[in-house]
Amino acid sequence: MSRQAKHSVAATLQQRGKTHGSFALNAAKAQQLKENIRDSVQWENMTDVQKEAAEAIVIKLARILTGDPNHADSWHDIAGYASLAEQSI
């Protein structure tokens, strides 16, 4: 990886840390939430699209819970994933 690419990745990670919080805390919260949804009674009856949307929403929720809850993009992404699941029905 070039020096410029490494700097670009470092800058991106620093910026994401400001909006999403610690990656380690975010990962722990996301895994906890994913375990909860996968353990639900309807999980096996959901389509792949519904499961993927639910997991993507959980990731965004984890970012909100461990980072900046006022980062509008996270809320916008949740609406987008919910819309994709709805369109698949």
N, C-alpha and C. Protein backbone atom coordinates (compact mmCIF):
# COMPACT_ATOMS: atom_id res chain seq x y z
N MET A 1 0.85 -1.18 0.00
CA MET A 1 0.00 0.00 0.00
C MET A 1 0.89 1.23 0.00
N SER A 2 0.55 2.18 -0.83
CA SER A 2 1.36 3.40 -0.94
C SER A 2 1.21 4.25 0.32
N ARG A 3 2.16 5.13 0.51
CA ARG A 3 2.13 6.04 1.65
C ARG A 3 0.87 6.91 1.61
N GLN A 4 0.51 7.36 0.41
CA GLN A 4 -0.69 8.19 0.26
C GLN A 4 -1.95 7.40 0.63
N ALA A 5 -2.03 6.15 0.19
CA ALA A 5 -3.19 5.31 0.51
C ALA A 5 -3.28 5.07 2.01
N LYS A 6 -2.13 4.82 2.65
CA LYS A 6 -2.11 4.60 4.10
C LYS A 6 -2.61 5.85 4.82
N HIS A 7 -2.16 7.01 4.36
CA HIS A 7 -2.60 8.26 4.98
C HIS A 7 -4.10 8.44 4.77
N SER A 8 -4.58 8.12 3.60
CA SER A 8 -6.00 8.25 3.30
C SER A 8 -6.84 7.33 4.19
N VAL A 9 -6.37 6.10 4.38
CA VAL A 9 -7.08 5.16 5.25
C VAL A 9 -7.06 5.67 6.69
N ALA A 10 -5.92 6.15 7.14
CA ALA A 10 -5.81 6.67 8.50
C ALA A 10 -6.75 7.86 8.71
N ALA A 11 -6.82 8.73 7.72
CA ALA A 11 -7.71 9.89 7.82
C ALA A 11 -9.17 9.45 7.86
N THR A 12 -9.50 8.47 7.04
CA THR A 12 -10.87 7.95 7.03
C THR A 12 -11.22 7.34 8.38
N LEU A 13 -10.31 6.53 8.93
CA LEU A 13 -10.57 5.90 10.23
C LEU A 13 -10.72 6.93 11.34
N GLN A 14 -9.91 7.97 11.28
CA GLN A 14 -10.01 9.03 12.29
C GLN A 14 -11.37 9.73 12.20
N GLN A 15 -11.81 10.02 10.98
CA GLN A 15 -13.10 10.67 10.79
C GLN A 15 -14.24 9.76 11.25
N ARG A 16 -14.18 8.49 10.90
CA ARG A 16 -15.23 7.54 11.30
C ARG A 16 -15.29 7.39 12.81
N GLY A 17 -14.14 7.44 13.45
CA GLY A 17 -14.10 7.38 14.90
C GLY A 17 -14.86 8.52 15.55
N LYS A 18 -14.82 9.68 14.91
CA LYS A 18 -15.54 10.85 15.44
C LYS A 18 -17.05 10.67 15.35
N THR A 19 -17.53 10.04 14.28
CA THR A 19 -18.97 9.89 14.10
C THR A 19 -19.51 8.57 14.65
N HIS A 20 -18.69 7.51 14.60
CA HIS A 20 -19.17 6.18 14.99
C HIS A 20 -18.64 5.69 16.32
N GLY A 21 -17.71 6.42 16.90
CA GLY A 21 -17.13 6.00 18.17
C GLY A 21 -16.07 4.94 17.97
N SER A 22 -15.64 4.36 19.06
CA SER A 22 -14.61 3.33 19.04
C SER A 22 -15.08 2.12 18.25
N PHE A 23 -14.24 1.65 17.32
CA PHE A 23 -14.61 0.47 16.53
C PHE A 23 -14.80 -0.75 17.42
N ALA A 24 -13.97 -0.90 18.44
CA ALA A 24 -14.10 -2.04 19.34
C ALA A 24 -15.43 -2.01 20.09
N LEU A 25 -15.81 -0.85 20.62
CA LEU A 25 -17.11 -0.73 21.30
C LEU A 25 -18.26 -0.95 20.33
N ASN A 26 -18.12 -0.39 19.13
CA ASN A 26 -19.16 -0.54 18.12
C ASN A 26 -19.32 -2.00 17.73
N ALA A 27 -18.22 -2.69 17.53
CA ALA A 27 -18.27 -4.10 17.15
C ALA A 27 -18.93 -4.94 18.24
N ALA A 28 -18.59 -4.67 19.48
CA ALA A 28 -19.18 -5.42 20.59
C ALA A 28 -20.69 -5.20 20.65
N LYS A 29 -21.13 -3.96 20.51
CA LYS A 29 -22.56 -3.65 20.55
C LYS A 29 -23.27 -4.27 19.36
N ALA A 30 -22.69 -4.19 18.17
CA ALA A 30 -23.30 -4.76 16.97
C ALA A 30 -23.45 -6.27 17.10
N GLN A 31 -22.43 -6.94 17.62
CA GLN A 31 -22.50 -8.39 17.78
C GLN A 31 -23.57 -8.77 18.80
N GLN A 32 -23.68 -8.00 19.85
CA GLN A 32 -24.71 -8.24 20.87
C GLN A 32 -26.11 -8.10 20.26
N LEU A 33 -26.31 -7.05 19.50
CA LEU A 33 -27.62 -6.82 18.87
C LEU A 33 -27.92 -7.88 17.82
N LYS A 34 -26.91 -8.28 17.05
CA LYS A 34 -27.11 -9.32 16.03
C LYS A 34 -27.49 -10.65 16.67
N GLU A 35 -26.85 -10.98 17.79
CA GLU A 35 -27.21 -12.21 18.50
C GLU A 35 -28.69 -12.18 18.89
N ASN A 36 -29.14 -11.02 19.37
CA ASN A 36 -30.54 -10.89 19.78
C ASN A 36 -31.50 -11.08 18.63
N ILE A 37 -31.20 -10.48 17.48
CA ILE A 37 -32.15 -10.61 16.38
C ILE A 37 -32.10 -12.01 15.77
N ARG A 38 -30.93 -12.63 15.73
CA ARG A 38 -30.82 -13.98 15.18
C ARG A 38 -31.50 -15.01 16.07
N ASP A 39 -31.68 -14.68 17.33
CA ASP A 39 -32.30 -15.58 18.29
C ASP A 39 -33.82 -15.38 18.36
N SER A 40 -34.36 -14.51 17.54
CA SER A 40 -35.79 -14.23 17.58
C SER A 40 -36.59 -15.34 16.92
N VAL A 41 -37.87 -15.44 17.26
CA VAL A 41 -38.71 -16.55 16.78
C VAL A 41 -38.95 -16.51 15.28
N GLN A 42 -38.88 -15.36 14.66
CA GLN A 42 -39.19 -15.26 13.23
C GLN A 42 -37.95 -15.25 12.34
N TRP A 43 -36.76 -15.28 12.92
CA TRP A 43 -35.53 -15.16 12.13
C TRP A 43 -35.50 -16.16 10.98
N GLU A 44 -35.80 -17.40 11.24
CA GLU A 44 -35.72 -18.43 10.20
C GLU A 44 -36.79 -18.27 9.13
N ASN A 45 -37.83 -17.52 9.42
CA ASN A 45 -38.90 -17.28 8.43
C ASN A 45 -38.66 -16.05 7.57
N MET A 46 -37.62 -15.32 7.88
CA MET A 46 -37.31 -14.10 7.13
C MET A 46 -36.53 -14.45 5.87
N THR A 47 -36.70 -13.62 4.84
CA THR A 47 -35.95 -13.79 3.60
C THR A 47 -34.52 -13.28 3.81
N ASP A 48 -33.65 -13.63 2.88
CA ASP A 48 -32.27 -13.12 2.95
C ASP A 48 -32.25 -11.60 2.93
N VAL A 49 -33.11 -10.99 2.14
CA VAL A 49 -33.16 -9.53 2.07
C VAL A 49 -33.57 -8.96 3.42
N GLN A 50 -34.57 -9.54 4.05
CA GLN A 50 -35.02 -9.05 5.36
C GLN A 50 -33.92 -9.24 6.41
N LYS A 51 -33.26 -10.39 6.39
CA LYS A 51 -32.18 -10.64 7.35
C LYS A 51 -31.04 -9.64 7.16
N GLU A 52 -30.65 -9.44 5.92
CA GLU A 52 -29.53 -8.53 5.64
C GLU A 52 -29.90 -7.10 6.03
N ALA A 53 -31.13 -6.68 5.73
CA ALA A 53 -31.57 -5.35 6.11
C ALA A 53 -31.57 -5.20 7.63
N ALA A 54 -32.07 -6.22 8.33
CA ALA A 54 -32.10 -6.17 9.79
C ALA A 54 -30.69 -6.06 10.37
N GLU A 55 -29.76 -6.84 9.82
CA GLU A 55 -28.39 -6.77 10.32
C GLU A 55 -27.74 -5.43 9.98
N ALA A 56 -28.02 -4.90 8.81
CA ALA A 56 -27.46 -3.59 8.44
C ALA A 56 -28.03 -2.50 9.36
N ILE A 57 -29.31 -2.60 9.67
CA ILE A 57 -29.93 -1.64 10.59
C ILE A 57 -29.29 -1.73 11.96
N VAL A 58 -29.03 -2.95 12.41
CA VAL A 58 -28.39 -3.16 13.72
C VAL A 58 -27.00 -2.53 13.74
N ILE A 59 -26.26 -2.68 12.65
CA ILE A 59 -24.93 -2.05 12.59
C ILE A 59 -25.05 -0.54 12.72
N LYS A 60 -26.01 0.03 12.03
CA LYS A 60 -26.22 1.48 12.12
C LYS A 60 -26.65 1.88 13.52
N LEU A 61 -27.52 1.07 14.16
CA LEU A 61 -27.92 1.36 15.54
C LEU A 61 -26.73 1.29 16.48
N ALA A 62 -25.86 0.32 16.29
CA ALA A 62 -24.67 0.22 17.13
C ALA A 62 -23.82 1.48 16.99
N ARG A 63 -23.70 1.97 15.78
CA ARG A 63 -22.93 3.21 15.57
C ARG A 63 -23.58 4.39 16.29
N ILE A 64 -24.90 4.44 16.25
CA ILE A 64 -25.62 5.51 16.95
C ILE A 64 -25.42 5.39 18.45
N LEU A 65 -25.45 4.16 18.97
CA LEU A 65 -25.34 3.93 20.41
C LEU A 65 -23.92 4.11 20.95
N THR A 66 -22.91 3.97 20.10
CA THR A 66 -21.53 4.11 20.56
C THR A 66 -20.84 5.36 20.03
N GLY A 67 -21.48 6.03 19.10
CA GLY A 67 -20.89 7.22 18.49
C GLY A 67 -21.78 8.43 18.65
N ASP A 68 -21.93 9.16 17.58
CA ASP A 68 -22.70 10.40 17.58
C ASP A 68 -24.15 10.11 17.22
N PRO A 69 -25.09 10.21 18.17
CA PRO A 69 -26.49 9.94 17.87
C PRO A 69 -27.13 11.01 16.98
N ASN A 70 -26.43 12.11 16.79
CA ASN A 70 -26.94 13.19 15.94
C ASN A 70 -26.36 13.15 14.52
N HIS A 71 -25.64 12.08 14.21
CA HIS A 71 -25.10 11.91 12.85
C HIS A 71 -26.26 11.46 11.95
N ALA A 72 -26.83 12.42 11.23
CA ALA A 72 -28.06 12.17 10.46
C ALA A 72 -27.91 11.05 9.44
N ASP A 73 -26.71 10.87 8.91
CA ASP A 73 -26.48 9.84 7.90
C ASP A 73 -26.82 8.44 8.41
N SER A 74 -26.55 8.17 9.69
CA SER A 74 -26.86 6.87 10.25
C SER A 74 -28.37 6.62 10.24
N TRP A 75 -29.12 7.62 10.63
CA TRP A 75 -30.59 7.50 10.63
C TRP A 75 -31.12 7.36 9.21
N HIS A 76 -30.53 8.10 8.30
CA HIS A 76 -30.92 8.03 6.89
C HIS A 76 -30.66 6.63 6.32
N ASP A 77 -29.51 6.06 6.68
CA ASP A 77 -29.19 4.71 6.22
C ASP A 77 -30.17 3.69 6.75
N ILE A 78 -30.58 3.83 8.02
CA ILE A 78 -31.58 2.92 8.60
C ILE A 78 -32.87 2.98 7.78
N ALA A 79 -33.30 4.18 7.44
CA ALA A 79 -34.51 4.34 6.64
C ALA A 79 -34.35 3.67 5.28
N GLY A 80 -33.17 3.78 4.71
CA GLY A 80 -32.90 3.16 3.42
C GLY A 80 -32.98 1.65 3.48
N TYR A 81 -32.34 1.05 4.49
CA TYR A 81 -32.38 -0.41 4.62
C TYR A 81 -33.80 -0.90 4.91
N ALA A 82 -34.54 -0.16 5.72
CA ALA A 82 -35.93 -0.54 5.98
C ALA A 82 -36.76 -0.45 4.71
N SER A 83 -36.50 0.55 3.89
CA SER A 83 -37.22 0.69 2.63
C SER A 83 -36.90 -0.47 1.68
N LEU A 84 -35.65 -0.88 1.63
CA LEU A 84 -35.28 -2.01 0.79
C LEU A 84 -35.98 -3.30 1.22
N ALA A 85 -36.07 -3.50 2.53
CA ALA A 85 -36.78 -4.68 3.04
C ALA A 85 -38.27 -4.60 2.68
N GLU A 86 -38.83 -3.42 2.86
CA GLU A 86 -40.25 -3.25 2.53
C GLU A 86 -40.51 -3.49 1.06
N GLN A 87 -39.63 -3.01 0.19
CA GLN A 87 -39.80 -3.19 -1.25
C GLN A 87 -39.73 -4.66 -1.64
N SER A 88 -39.04 -5.46 -0.86
CA SER A 88 -38.89 -6.88 -1.19
C SER A 88 -40.13 -7.71 -0.84
N ILE A 89 -41.03 -7.12 -0.09
CA ILE A 89 -42.23 -7.86 0.35
C ILE A 89 -43.30 -7.81 -0.75
